[in-house]
Amino acid sequence: MRTEYGKLNKMEMGIWECCELLNDVIDESDPDLDEPQIEHLLQTAEAIRKDYPNEDWMHLTGLIHDLGKVLLHPGFGELPQWAVVGDTFPVGCAFDKSIVHHKYFEENPDYHNSDYNTKYGVYSEGCGLNNVMMSWGHDDYMYLVAKGNNTTLPPAALFIIRYHSFYALHKSGAYRHLMNEEDTENLKWLQIFKYEFYLLFSYICPDSY
C-alpha cells in the first residue's frame, strides 16, 4: 500500500476541499468521537490555537494531521478501517507489549522470526525513526503527501503528523532506543499535541469540568 499510495496520484485538491471530504468519514477506532472527522480537525486546531496562540504552525498541523483518513473515502480507494486508522508501530523489530491487542501478534510470522523479533531487529540503537518502517495508516499517508508537496511546515510538524498514532512511543515510552537527537526534540512537541487530544473535551464542553 505504501508503494501504491506513495505515488500521490489519486486526486488533486486543496486542503479545505480535502477537509470537506471528511464530512463523510467516521473513525471507528476512536471510542470518544462518533462525529465526522472534519469536526475533529476543526476542534483540534481550535484547541491548540487557544493554548498556543503564537505557534501558528501547530494550528495548521492540528487541522491537517488526520487528513490521511481520506483513504477511507471512495475517491481514494475506500480502504478498510483496519488499513487506515488505529495505532501504528514499527515493523522489523520486536512488537512491544504496550501495543494495543499485542497478543494477536503471535499469529504474525514476524513474531517468530529471529531476524525481526529482537529489541533492535533490523535496526540499530539511535538509528532515527525516519529510518524505521512503520505499519501503514493515515499517518504515513499524510506525511507522504506533505513531503511530496514540498511543505514548508517545520520538522516537528511532520513528526507529529507521522507519529501521532504511535501510542507505544508517546504514551508508553517504548522504542526510544531507536530515536536520535532530532526525534527526542520533536517528541516534546508530539507530547504537547497529544496533551491537546486528551483535553479536547474540555474545550468542547467546558461546563463539564
N, C-alpha and C. Protein backbone atom coordinates (compact mmCIF):
# COMPACT_ATOMS: atom_id res chain seq x y z
N MET A 1 0.83 -1.21 0.00
CA MET A 1 0.00 0.00 0.00
C MET A 1 0.86 1.26 0.00
N ARG A 2 1.97 1.20 0.73
CA ARG A 2 2.84 2.37 0.80
C ARG A 2 3.38 2.73 -0.59
N THR A 3 3.75 1.71 -1.34
CA THR A 3 4.26 1.95 -2.69
C THR A 3 3.16 2.52 -3.59
N GLU A 4 1.97 1.94 -3.51
CA GLU A 4 0.86 2.38 -4.35
C GLU A 4 0.43 3.80 -4.02
N TYR A 5 0.21 4.08 -2.74
CA TYR A 5 -0.29 5.39 -2.36
C TYR A 5 0.82 6.44 -2.30
N GLY A 6 2.05 5.97 -2.26
CA GLY A 6 3.17 6.91 -2.31
C GLY A 6 3.32 7.60 -3.65
N LYS A 7 2.63 7.11 -4.66
CA LYS A 7 2.64 7.74 -5.98
C LYS A 7 1.91 9.08 -5.96
N LEU A 8 1.02 9.26 -4.98
CA LEU A 8 0.26 10.51 -4.82
C LEU A 8 -0.49 10.89 -6.10
N ASN A 9 -1.12 9.91 -6.69
CA ASN A 9 -1.79 10.15 -7.97
C ASN A 9 -3.29 9.89 -7.92
N LYS A 10 -3.86 9.82 -6.72
CA LYS A 10 -5.28 9.51 -6.60
C LYS A 10 -6.18 10.69 -6.94
N MET A 11 -5.78 11.87 -6.51
CA MET A 11 -6.63 13.04 -6.69
C MET A 11 -5.81 14.30 -6.41
N GLU A 12 -6.21 15.42 -6.97
CA GLU A 12 -5.54 16.69 -6.70
C GLU A 12 -6.58 17.69 -6.18
N MET A 13 -6.29 18.30 -5.03
CA MET A 13 -7.25 19.22 -4.43
C MET A 13 -6.55 20.08 -3.40
N GLY A 14 -7.25 21.13 -2.95
CA GLY A 14 -6.73 21.99 -1.90
C GLY A 14 -7.01 21.39 -0.54
N ILE A 15 -6.40 22.00 0.49
CA ILE A 15 -6.55 21.50 1.85
C ILE A 15 -8.01 21.51 2.29
N TRP A 16 -8.72 22.62 2.06
CA TRP A 16 -10.09 22.68 2.55
C TRP A 16 -11.00 21.70 1.81
N GLU A 17 -10.76 21.50 0.52
CA GLU A 17 -11.53 20.51 -0.23
C GLU A 17 -11.35 19.13 0.40
N CYS A 18 -10.12 18.85 0.79
CA CYS A 18 -9.82 17.56 1.42
C CYS A 18 -10.51 17.46 2.78
N CYS A 19 -10.47 18.54 3.54
CA CYS A 19 -11.17 18.56 4.84
C CYS A 19 -12.64 18.25 4.67
N GLU A 20 -13.25 18.81 3.64
CA GLU A 20 -14.69 18.61 3.43
C GLU A 20 -15.02 17.15 3.11
N LEU A 21 -14.07 16.43 2.50
CA LEU A 21 -14.31 15.01 2.23
C LEU A 21 -14.51 14.24 3.53
N LEU A 22 -13.92 14.74 4.61
CA LEU A 22 -14.02 14.03 5.89
C LEU A 22 -15.38 14.24 6.56
N ASN A 23 -16.26 15.02 5.91
CA ASN A 23 -17.66 15.05 6.35
C ASN A 23 -18.29 13.67 6.24
N ASP A 24 -17.73 12.85 5.35
CA ASP A 24 -18.28 11.52 5.09
C ASP A 24 -17.48 10.41 5.76
N VAL A 25 -16.57 10.78 6.67
CA VAL A 25 -15.68 9.77 7.27
C VAL A 25 -15.83 9.77 8.79
N ILE A 26 -16.03 8.60 9.36
CA ILE A 26 -16.04 8.42 10.81
C ILE A 26 -15.00 7.37 11.16
N ASP A 27 -14.15 7.68 12.12
CA ASP A 27 -13.09 6.78 12.55
C ASP A 27 -13.68 5.80 13.57
N GLU A 28 -13.87 4.56 13.16
CA GLU A 28 -14.49 3.56 14.03
C GLU A 28 -13.57 3.12 15.16
N SER A 29 -12.28 3.47 15.09
CA SER A 29 -11.34 3.06 16.13
C SER A 29 -11.33 4.04 17.30
N ASP A 30 -11.96 5.19 17.13
CA ASP A 30 -11.95 6.21 18.18
C ASP A 30 -13.18 6.04 19.07
N PRO A 31 -12.97 5.61 20.33
CA PRO A 31 -14.12 5.37 21.21
C PRO A 31 -14.77 6.64 21.73
N ASP A 32 -14.09 7.78 21.54
CA ASP A 32 -14.57 9.04 22.12
C ASP A 32 -15.23 9.96 21.11
N LEU A 33 -15.22 9.59 19.84
CA LEU A 33 -15.72 10.51 18.82
C LEU A 33 -16.47 9.76 17.75
N ASP A 34 -17.78 10.01 17.65
CA ASP A 34 -18.56 9.37 16.59
C ASP A 34 -19.09 10.40 15.60
N GLU A 35 -18.45 11.57 15.59
CA GLU A 35 -18.81 12.62 14.65
C GLU A 35 -17.92 12.52 13.41
N PRO A 36 -18.33 13.12 12.28
CA PRO A 36 -17.47 13.14 11.11
C PRO A 36 -16.10 13.71 11.45
N GLN A 37 -15.08 13.22 10.79
CA GLN A 37 -13.72 13.60 11.13
C GLN A 37 -13.40 15.08 10.91
N ILE A 38 -14.17 15.76 10.07
CA ILE A 38 -13.92 17.19 9.89
C ILE A 38 -14.14 17.93 11.20
N GLU A 39 -15.06 17.45 12.03
CA GLU A 39 -15.28 18.06 13.34
C GLU A 39 -14.03 17.93 14.21
N HIS A 40 -13.42 16.78 14.16
CA HIS A 40 -12.21 16.53 14.95
C HIS A 40 -11.08 17.45 14.51
N LEU A 41 -10.93 17.64 13.21
CA LEU A 41 -9.87 18.52 12.70
C LEU A 41 -10.05 19.95 13.20
N LEU A 42 -11.25 20.46 13.07
CA LEU A 42 -11.51 21.84 13.47
C LEU A 42 -11.37 22.03 14.97
N GLN A 43 -11.86 21.07 15.74
CA GLN A 43 -11.78 21.17 17.20
C GLN A 43 -10.34 21.10 17.67
N THR A 44 -9.55 20.24 17.04
CA THR A 44 -8.15 20.11 17.42
C THR A 44 -7.39 21.40 17.12
N ALA A 45 -7.58 21.94 15.94
CA ALA A 45 -6.90 23.18 15.57
C ALA A 45 -7.29 24.33 16.50
N GLU A 46 -8.56 24.41 16.85
CA GLU A 46 -9.02 25.49 17.72
C GLU A 46 -8.49 25.32 19.14
N ALA A 47 -8.45 24.09 19.63
CA ALA A 47 -7.92 23.84 20.97
C ALA A 47 -6.45 24.26 21.06
N ILE A 48 -5.69 23.91 20.04
CA ILE A 48 -4.27 24.28 20.02
C ILE A 48 -4.10 25.79 19.90
N ARG A 49 -4.93 26.43 19.08
CA ARG A 49 -4.84 27.88 18.92
C ARG A 49 -5.07 28.60 20.24
N LYS A 50 -5.98 28.09 21.06
CA LYS A 50 -6.27 28.74 22.33
C LYS A 50 -5.11 28.63 23.31
N ASP A 51 -4.46 27.47 23.32
CA ASP A 51 -3.36 27.27 24.27
C ASP A 51 -2.03 27.77 23.76
N TYR A 52 -1.85 27.76 22.44
CA TYR A 52 -0.56 28.17 21.85
C TYR A 52 -0.81 29.16 20.72
N PRO A 53 -1.28 30.35 21.04
CA PRO A 53 -1.68 31.32 20.01
C PRO A 53 -0.55 31.77 19.09
N ASN A 54 0.69 31.66 19.55
CA ASN A 54 1.81 32.12 18.74
C ASN A 54 2.46 31.03 17.90
N GLU A 55 1.99 29.81 18.05
CA GLU A 55 2.56 28.69 17.28
C GLU A 55 1.63 28.36 16.12
N ASP A 56 1.62 29.24 15.11
CA ASP A 56 0.66 29.06 14.02
C ASP A 56 0.89 27.76 13.26
N TRP A 57 2.12 27.27 13.22
CA TRP A 57 2.38 26.01 12.53
C TRP A 57 1.67 24.85 13.22
N MET A 58 1.50 24.96 14.53
CA MET A 58 0.79 23.91 15.26
C MET A 58 -0.71 23.96 14.97
N HIS A 59 -1.24 25.16 14.76
CA HIS A 59 -2.66 25.29 14.42
C HIS A 59 -2.94 24.54 13.12
N LEU A 60 -2.07 24.79 12.13
CA LEU A 60 -2.24 24.14 10.84
C LEU A 60 -2.03 22.64 10.95
N THR A 61 -1.04 22.23 11.74
CA THR A 61 -0.79 20.81 11.93
C THR A 61 -2.01 20.13 12.55
N GLY A 62 -2.64 20.80 13.52
CA GLY A 62 -3.85 20.26 14.12
C GLY A 62 -4.96 20.08 13.10
N LEU A 63 -5.04 21.01 12.16
CA LEU A 63 -6.09 20.94 11.14
C LEU A 63 -5.88 19.79 10.17
N ILE A 64 -4.63 19.54 9.81
CA ILE A 64 -4.36 18.57 8.73
C ILE A 64 -3.86 17.21 9.22
N HIS A 65 -3.63 17.05 10.53
CA HIS A 65 -2.94 15.85 10.99
C HIS A 65 -3.66 14.55 10.61
N ASP A 66 -4.99 14.58 10.53
CA ASP A 66 -5.75 13.37 10.22
C ASP A 66 -6.30 13.34 8.80
N LEU A 67 -5.83 14.22 7.95
CA LEU A 67 -6.36 14.25 6.58
C LEU A 67 -6.10 12.95 5.83
N GLY A 68 -5.11 12.19 6.29
CA GLY A 68 -4.83 10.91 5.64
C GLY A 68 -5.99 9.94 5.72
N LYS A 69 -6.97 10.23 6.57
CA LYS A 69 -8.14 9.36 6.67
C LYS A 69 -9.03 9.43 5.44
N VAL A 70 -8.69 10.30 4.50
CA VAL A 70 -9.41 10.29 3.22
C VAL A 70 -9.21 8.96 2.50
N LEU A 71 -8.25 8.16 2.95
CA LEU A 71 -8.07 6.83 2.36
C LEU A 71 -9.32 5.97 2.54
N LEU A 72 -10.18 6.36 3.50
CA LEU A 72 -11.44 5.64 3.70
C LEU A 72 -12.49 6.06 2.69
N HIS A 73 -12.26 7.17 2.00
CA HIS A 73 -13.23 7.75 1.07
C HIS A 73 -13.17 7.02 -0.28
N PRO A 74 -14.32 6.84 -0.95
CA PRO A 74 -14.32 6.16 -2.26
C PRO A 74 -13.36 6.77 -3.27
N GLY A 75 -13.17 8.09 -3.22
CA GLY A 75 -12.29 8.74 -4.18
C GLY A 75 -10.83 8.35 -4.02
N PHE A 76 -10.50 7.79 -2.88
CA PHE A 76 -9.11 7.40 -2.60
C PHE A 76 -8.97 5.88 -2.46
N GLY A 77 -9.94 5.15 -2.92
CA GLY A 77 -9.82 3.71 -2.89
C GLY A 77 -10.68 3.01 -1.85
N GLU A 78 -11.27 3.80 -0.94
CA GLU A 78 -12.17 3.26 0.09
C GLU A 78 -11.52 2.07 0.81
N LEU A 79 -10.33 2.30 1.32
CA LEU A 79 -9.64 1.24 2.07
C LEU A 79 -10.43 0.89 3.32
N PRO A 80 -10.30 -0.33 3.83
CA PRO A 80 -10.99 -0.72 5.06
C PRO A 80 -10.41 0.01 6.26
N GLN A 81 -11.20 0.14 7.31
CA GLN A 81 -10.77 0.88 8.50
C GLN A 81 -9.46 0.33 9.07
N TRP A 82 -9.30 -0.99 9.09
CA TRP A 82 -8.10 -1.58 9.70
C TRP A 82 -6.83 -1.15 8.98
N ALA A 83 -6.94 -0.76 7.71
CA ALA A 83 -5.77 -0.37 6.94
C ALA A 83 -5.47 1.12 7.02
N VAL A 84 -6.31 1.85 7.75
CA VAL A 84 -6.19 3.32 7.74
C VAL A 84 -6.05 3.91 9.15
N VAL A 85 -6.86 3.43 10.09
CA VAL A 85 -6.91 4.05 11.42
C VAL A 85 -6.38 3.09 12.49
N GLY A 86 -6.32 3.58 13.72
CA GLY A 86 -5.80 2.77 14.80
C GLY A 86 -4.33 3.04 15.07
N ASP A 87 -3.79 2.37 16.07
CA ASP A 87 -2.40 2.59 16.49
C ASP A 87 -1.42 2.13 15.41
N THR A 88 -0.29 2.83 15.33
CA THR A 88 0.80 2.42 14.44
C THR A 88 1.98 1.96 15.30
N PHE A 89 2.90 1.21 14.68
CA PHE A 89 4.03 0.64 15.41
C PHE A 89 5.11 0.24 14.40
N PRO A 90 6.35 0.11 14.86
CA PRO A 90 7.43 -0.29 13.95
C PRO A 90 7.29 -1.75 13.54
N VAL A 91 7.72 -2.04 12.33
CA VAL A 91 7.86 -3.42 11.88
C VAL A 91 9.35 -3.65 11.62
N GLY A 92 9.77 -4.90 11.71
CA GLY A 92 11.19 -5.20 11.54
C GLY A 92 11.93 -5.35 12.85
N CYS A 93 11.20 -5.24 13.96
CA CYS A 93 11.78 -5.48 15.28
C CYS A 93 10.65 -6.00 16.18
N ALA A 94 10.99 -6.34 17.42
CA ALA A 94 10.01 -6.95 18.32
C ALA A 94 8.80 -6.04 18.54
N PHE A 95 7.63 -6.65 18.60
CA PHE A 95 6.41 -5.92 18.90
C PHE A 95 6.36 -5.68 20.41
N ASP A 96 6.31 -4.43 20.82
CA ASP A 96 6.29 -4.12 22.24
C ASP A 96 4.94 -4.49 22.85
N LYS A 97 4.95 -4.91 24.10
CA LYS A 97 3.72 -5.35 24.76
C LYS A 97 2.74 -4.20 25.02
N SER A 98 3.20 -2.97 24.87
CA SER A 98 2.30 -1.83 25.06
C SER A 98 1.40 -1.58 23.85
N ILE A 99 1.69 -2.23 22.72
CA ILE A 99 0.86 -2.06 21.52
C ILE A 99 -0.51 -2.69 21.77
N VAL A 100 -1.55 -1.99 21.40
CA VAL A 100 -2.90 -2.49 21.63
C VAL A 100 -3.10 -3.87 20.99
N HIS A 101 -3.77 -4.76 21.72
CA HIS A 101 -4.04 -6.13 21.25
C HIS A 101 -2.75 -6.88 20.92
N HIS A 102 -1.74 -6.66 21.73
CA HIS A 102 -0.43 -7.26 21.49
C HIS A 102 -0.49 -8.77 21.29
N LYS A 103 -1.39 -9.42 22.00
CA LYS A 103 -1.43 -10.89 21.97
C LYS A 103 -1.65 -11.45 20.57
N TYR A 104 -2.30 -10.67 19.72
CA TYR A 104 -2.60 -11.17 18.37
C TYR A 104 -1.37 -11.20 17.47
N PHE A 105 -0.29 -10.54 17.90
CA PHE A 105 0.93 -10.59 17.09
C PHE A 105 1.52 -12.00 17.05
N GLU A 106 1.13 -12.85 17.97
CA GLU A 106 1.64 -14.22 17.97
C GLU A 106 1.26 -14.96 16.70
N GLU A 107 0.25 -14.46 16.00
CA GLU A 107 -0.18 -15.08 14.75
C GLU A 107 0.56 -14.49 13.54
N ASN A 108 1.41 -13.50 13.79
CA ASN A 108 2.18 -12.87 12.73
C ASN A 108 3.51 -13.60 12.57
N PRO A 109 3.88 -14.02 11.36
CA PRO A 109 5.15 -14.75 11.16
C PRO A 109 6.36 -13.99 11.71
N ASP A 110 6.33 -12.67 11.66
CA ASP A 110 7.47 -11.89 12.15
C ASP A 110 7.70 -12.10 13.65
N TYR A 111 6.65 -12.45 14.36
CA TYR A 111 6.74 -12.65 15.81
C TYR A 111 7.70 -13.79 16.15
N HIS A 112 7.80 -14.76 15.25
CA HIS A 112 8.63 -15.94 15.47
C HIS A 112 9.92 -15.91 14.64
N ASN A 113 10.14 -14.83 13.89
CA ASN A 113 11.32 -14.73 13.02
C ASN A 113 12.46 -14.09 13.80
N SER A 114 13.56 -14.80 13.96
CA SER A 114 14.68 -14.31 14.77
C SER A 114 15.33 -13.06 14.18
N ASP A 115 15.08 -12.78 12.91
CA ASP A 115 15.62 -11.56 12.30
C ASP A 115 14.84 -10.32 12.74
N TYR A 116 13.59 -10.54 13.15
CA TYR A 116 12.70 -9.43 13.43
C TYR A 116 12.19 -9.35 14.87
N ASN A 117 12.35 -10.38 15.66
CA ASN A 117 11.68 -10.41 16.97
C ASN A 117 12.58 -10.04 18.15
N THR A 118 13.69 -9.37 17.86
CA THR A 118 14.56 -8.89 18.94
C THR A 118 14.33 -7.39 19.16
N LYS A 119 14.91 -6.86 20.20
CA LYS A 119 14.72 -5.45 20.56
C LYS A 119 15.06 -4.52 19.40
N TYR A 120 16.16 -4.80 18.72
CA TYR A 120 16.59 -3.94 17.61
C TYR A 120 16.18 -4.46 16.25
N GLY A 121 16.00 -5.77 16.12
CA GLY A 121 15.61 -6.34 14.83
C GLY A 121 16.59 -5.94 13.74
N VAL A 122 16.07 -5.34 12.67
CA VAL A 122 16.91 -4.94 11.54
C VAL A 122 17.52 -3.55 11.73
N TYR A 123 17.27 -2.93 12.89
CA TYR A 123 17.73 -1.57 13.14
C TYR A 123 18.91 -1.55 14.11
N SER A 124 19.40 -0.37 14.43
CA SER A 124 20.49 -0.21 15.38
C SER A 124 20.13 0.90 16.35
N GLU A 125 20.79 0.92 17.48
CA GLU A 125 20.49 1.91 18.50
C GLU A 125 20.69 3.33 17.97
N GLY A 126 19.69 4.18 18.19
CA GLY A 126 19.78 5.58 17.78
C GLY A 126 19.76 5.80 16.29
N CYS A 127 19.21 4.83 15.53
CA CYS A 127 19.21 4.95 14.07
C CYS A 127 18.32 6.07 13.57
N GLY A 128 17.35 6.48 14.39
CA GLY A 128 16.42 7.54 13.99
C GLY A 128 15.14 6.96 13.44
N LEU A 129 14.02 7.50 13.89
CA LEU A 129 12.72 6.96 13.47
C LEU A 129 12.48 7.11 11.98
N ASN A 130 13.16 8.06 11.36
CA ASN A 130 12.99 8.25 9.92
C ASN A 130 13.51 7.04 9.15
N ASN A 131 14.35 6.22 9.81
CA ASN A 131 14.90 5.03 9.18
C ASN A 131 14.16 3.76 9.60
N VAL A 132 13.06 3.94 10.31
CA VAL A 132 12.27 2.81 10.81
C VAL A 132 10.99 2.69 9.98
N MET A 133 10.70 1.49 9.52
CA MET A 133 9.46 1.25 8.79
C MET A 133 8.31 1.11 9.78
N MET A 134 7.28 1.95 9.61
CA MET A 134 6.11 1.90 10.47
C MET A 134 4.97 1.15 9.77
N SER A 135 4.07 0.60 10.56
CA SER A 135 2.88 0.00 9.97
C SER A 135 2.11 1.07 9.20
N TRP A 136 1.47 0.65 8.14
CA TRP A 136 0.78 1.59 7.25
C TRP A 136 -0.50 2.14 7.88
N GLY A 137 -0.77 3.40 7.61
CA GLY A 137 -2.00 4.02 8.08
C GLY A 137 -2.11 5.44 7.59
N HIS A 138 -3.11 6.15 8.09
CA HIS A 138 -3.35 7.52 7.63
C HIS A 138 -2.20 8.45 7.98
N ASP A 139 -1.48 8.16 9.07
CA ASP A 139 -0.36 8.99 9.49
C ASP A 139 0.70 9.05 8.40
N ASP A 140 1.14 7.87 7.96
CA ASP A 140 2.20 7.81 6.96
C ASP A 140 1.74 8.41 5.64
N TYR A 141 0.48 8.21 5.31
CA TYR A 141 -0.01 8.75 4.04
C TYR A 141 0.02 10.28 4.03
N MET A 142 -0.46 10.89 5.10
CA MET A 142 -0.44 12.35 5.15
C MET A 142 0.99 12.88 5.19
N TYR A 143 1.86 12.16 5.85
CA TYR A 143 3.28 12.53 5.86
C TYR A 143 3.83 12.53 4.43
N LEU A 144 3.52 11.48 3.67
CA LEU A 144 4.00 11.40 2.29
C LEU A 144 3.42 12.52 1.43
N VAL A 145 2.16 12.85 1.66
CA VAL A 145 1.52 13.93 0.91
C VAL A 145 2.22 15.26 1.22
N ALA A 146 2.49 15.51 2.49
CA ALA A 146 3.15 16.76 2.88
C ALA A 146 4.55 16.85 2.28
N LYS A 147 5.30 15.76 2.40
CA LYS A 147 6.66 15.75 1.84
C LYS A 147 6.63 15.88 0.33
N GLY A 148 5.71 15.16 -0.30
CA GLY A 148 5.63 15.16 -1.76
C GLY A 148 5.22 16.50 -2.34
N ASN A 149 4.60 17.34 -1.52
CA ASN A 149 4.18 18.66 -1.97
C ASN A 149 5.08 19.77 -1.42
N ASN A 150 6.28 19.36 -0.97
CA ASN A 150 7.30 20.32 -0.51
C ASN A 150 6.77 21.27 0.56
N THR A 151 6.15 20.70 1.58
CA THR A 151 5.61 21.52 2.66
C THR A 151 6.67 22.39 3.30
N THR A 152 6.24 23.55 3.76
CA THR A 152 7.14 24.45 4.49
C THR A 152 6.95 24.30 6.00
N LEU A 153 6.12 23.34 6.42
CA LEU A 153 5.96 23.08 7.85
C LEU A 153 7.29 22.61 8.44
N PRO A 154 7.57 22.93 9.70
CA PRO A 154 8.83 22.53 10.32
C PRO A 154 8.89 21.03 10.57
N PRO A 155 10.09 20.48 10.81
CA PRO A 155 10.23 19.04 11.06
C PRO A 155 9.35 18.53 12.19
N ALA A 156 9.14 19.35 13.22
CA ALA A 156 8.30 18.92 14.35
C ALA A 156 6.88 18.64 13.87
N ALA A 157 6.38 19.41 12.92
CA ALA A 157 5.02 19.20 12.40
C ALA A 157 4.94 17.87 11.65
N LEU A 158 5.96 17.58 10.83
CA LEU A 158 5.96 16.32 10.10
C LEU A 158 6.07 15.14 11.06
N PHE A 159 6.82 15.33 12.13
CA PHE A 159 6.94 14.29 13.16
C PHE A 159 5.58 14.02 13.80
N ILE A 160 4.86 15.07 14.12
CA ILE A 160 3.52 14.94 14.70
C ILE A 160 2.58 14.21 13.75
N ILE A 161 2.59 14.62 12.50
CA ILE A 161 1.71 14.01 11.50
C ILE A 161 2.02 12.52 11.35
N ARG A 162 3.30 12.19 11.33
CA ARG A 162 3.70 10.81 11.05
C ARG A 162 3.54 9.88 12.24
N TYR A 163 3.66 10.42 13.46
CA TYR A 163 3.73 9.52 14.63
C TYR A 163 2.64 9.77 15.67
N HIS A 164 1.60 10.53 15.34
CA HIS A 164 0.60 10.82 16.37
C HIS A 164 -0.22 9.59 16.77
N SER A 165 -0.21 8.55 15.96
CA SER A 165 -0.89 7.30 16.33
C SER A 165 0.09 6.26 16.89
N PHE A 166 1.34 6.65 17.08
CA PHE A 166 2.38 5.77 17.59
C PHE A 166 2.33 5.83 19.12
N TYR A 167 1.24 5.29 19.68
CA TYR A 167 0.99 5.41 21.12
C TYR A 167 2.01 4.64 21.96
N ALA A 168 2.57 3.57 21.41
CA ALA A 168 3.57 2.82 22.16
C ALA A 168 4.75 3.72 22.51
N LEU A 169 5.04 4.69 21.66
CA LEU A 169 6.11 5.64 21.93
C LEU A 169 5.67 6.76 22.86
N HIS A 170 4.68 7.55 22.42
CA HIS A 170 4.41 8.79 23.17
C HIS A 170 3.50 8.60 24.37
N LYS A 171 2.92 7.40 24.52
CA LYS A 171 2.14 7.13 25.72
C LYS A 171 2.88 6.19 26.67
N SER A 172 3.57 5.19 26.11
CA SER A 172 4.21 4.17 26.95
C SER A 172 5.73 4.26 26.98
N GLY A 173 6.33 5.08 26.12
CA GLY A 173 7.78 5.26 26.14
C GLY A 173 8.55 4.13 25.49
N ALA A 174 7.88 3.28 24.72
CA ALA A 174 8.57 2.19 24.03
C ALA A 174 9.31 2.69 22.80
N TYR A 175 10.29 1.94 22.37
CA TYR A 175 11.06 2.19 21.15
C TYR A 175 11.94 3.44 21.20
N ARG A 176 12.14 4.01 22.36
CA ARG A 176 13.02 5.19 22.47
C ARG A 176 14.46 4.85 22.08
N HIS A 177 14.83 3.59 22.19
CA HIS A 177 16.19 3.19 21.84
C HIS A 177 16.48 3.36 20.35
N LEU A 178 15.45 3.54 19.55
CA LEU A 178 15.63 3.75 18.11
C LEU A 178 15.71 5.23 17.75
N MET A 179 15.41 6.11 18.69
CA MET A 179 15.35 7.54 18.41
C MET A 179 16.74 8.17 18.38
N ASN A 180 16.88 9.21 17.56
CA ASN A 180 18.10 10.03 17.58
C ASN A 180 17.79 11.36 18.26
N GLU A 181 18.75 12.28 18.27
CA GLU A 181 18.58 13.54 18.99
C GLU A 181 17.43 14.37 18.41
N GLU A 182 17.28 14.39 17.10
CA GLU A 182 16.20 15.15 16.49
C GLU A 182 14.84 14.58 16.90
N ASP A 183 14.73 13.27 16.94
CA ASP A 183 13.49 12.63 17.38
C ASP A 183 13.15 13.05 18.81
N THR A 184 14.16 13.09 19.65
CA THR A 184 13.95 13.45 21.06
C THR A 184 13.38 14.85 21.18
N GLU A 185 13.89 15.78 20.38
CA GLU A 185 13.38 17.15 20.40
C GLU A 185 11.96 17.20 19.86
N ASN A 186 11.72 16.50 18.76
CA ASN A 186 10.39 16.52 18.15
C ASN A 186 9.34 15.83 19.01
N LEU A 187 9.77 14.84 19.78
CA LEU A 187 8.84 14.13 20.65
C LEU A 187 8.21 15.07 21.68
N LYS A 188 8.95 16.09 22.10
CA LYS A 188 8.41 17.06 23.05
C LYS A 188 7.17 17.74 22.47
N TRP A 189 7.22 18.06 21.18
CA TRP A 189 6.08 18.70 20.53
C TRP A 189 4.93 17.72 20.35
N LEU A 190 5.27 16.47 20.03
CA LEU A 190 4.22 15.46 19.88
C LEU A 190 3.49 15.23 21.20
N GLN A 191 4.22 15.27 22.30
CA GLN A 191 3.58 15.07 23.60
C GLN A 191 2.69 16.25 23.95
N ILE A 192 3.06 17.44 23.53
CA ILE A 192 2.18 18.60 23.69
C ILE A 192 0.92 18.41 22.84
N PHE A 193 1.11 17.93 21.64
CA PHE A 193 0.00 17.69 20.73
C PHE A 193 -0.94 16.63 21.29
N LYS A 194 -0.39 15.56 21.84
CA LYS A 194 -1.19 14.51 22.47
C LYS A 194 -1.99 15.08 23.64
N TYR A 195 -1.36 15.94 24.38
CA TYR A 195 -2.00 16.60 25.53
C TYR A 195 -3.27 17.31 25.08
N GLU A 196 -3.21 17.92 23.91
CA GLU A 196 -4.39 18.60 23.40
C GLU A 196 -5.52 17.60 23.12
N PHE A 197 -5.18 16.41 22.62
CA PHE A 197 -6.22 15.42 22.34
C PHE A 197 -6.96 15.03 23.59
N TYR A 198 -6.20 14.78 24.67
CA TYR A 198 -6.82 14.30 25.89
C TYR A 198 -7.64 15.36 26.60
N LEU A 199 -7.36 16.63 26.31
CA LEU A 199 -8.13 17.71 26.91
C LEU A 199 -9.16 18.29 25.95
N LEU A 200 -9.30 17.67 24.79
CA LEU A 200 -10.18 18.24 23.77
C LEU A 200 -11.60 18.42 24.27
N PHE A 201 -12.11 17.47 25.04
CA PHE A 201 -13.48 17.54 25.51
C PHE A 201 -13.70 18.77 26.39
N SER A 202 -12.67 19.19 27.12
CA SER A 202 -12.81 20.35 27.99
C SER A 202 -13.01 21.64 27.19
N TYR A 203 -12.51 21.66 25.95
CA TYR A 203 -12.72 22.83 25.10
C TYR A 203 -14.13 22.82 24.50
N ILE A 204 -14.62 21.61 24.23
CA ILE A 204 -15.93 21.49 23.61
C ILE A 204 -17.03 21.72 24.64
N CYS A 205 -16.85 21.15 25.84
CA CYS A 205 -17.87 21.23 26.89
C CYS A 205 -17.22 21.71 28.20
N PRO A 206 -16.78 22.97 28.26
CA PRO A 206 -16.06 23.46 29.44
C PRO A 206 -16.87 23.37 30.72
N ASP A 207 -18.20 23.43 30.66
CA ASP A 207 -19.03 23.38 31.85
C ASP A 207 -19.03 22.00 32.51
N SER A 208 -18.46 21.00 31.80
CA SER A 208 -18.45 19.64 32.33
C SER A 208 -17.29 19.44 33.32
N TYR A 209 -16.41 20.45 33.46
CA TYR A 209 -15.22 20.29 34.29
C TYR A 209 -15.25 21.26 35.46
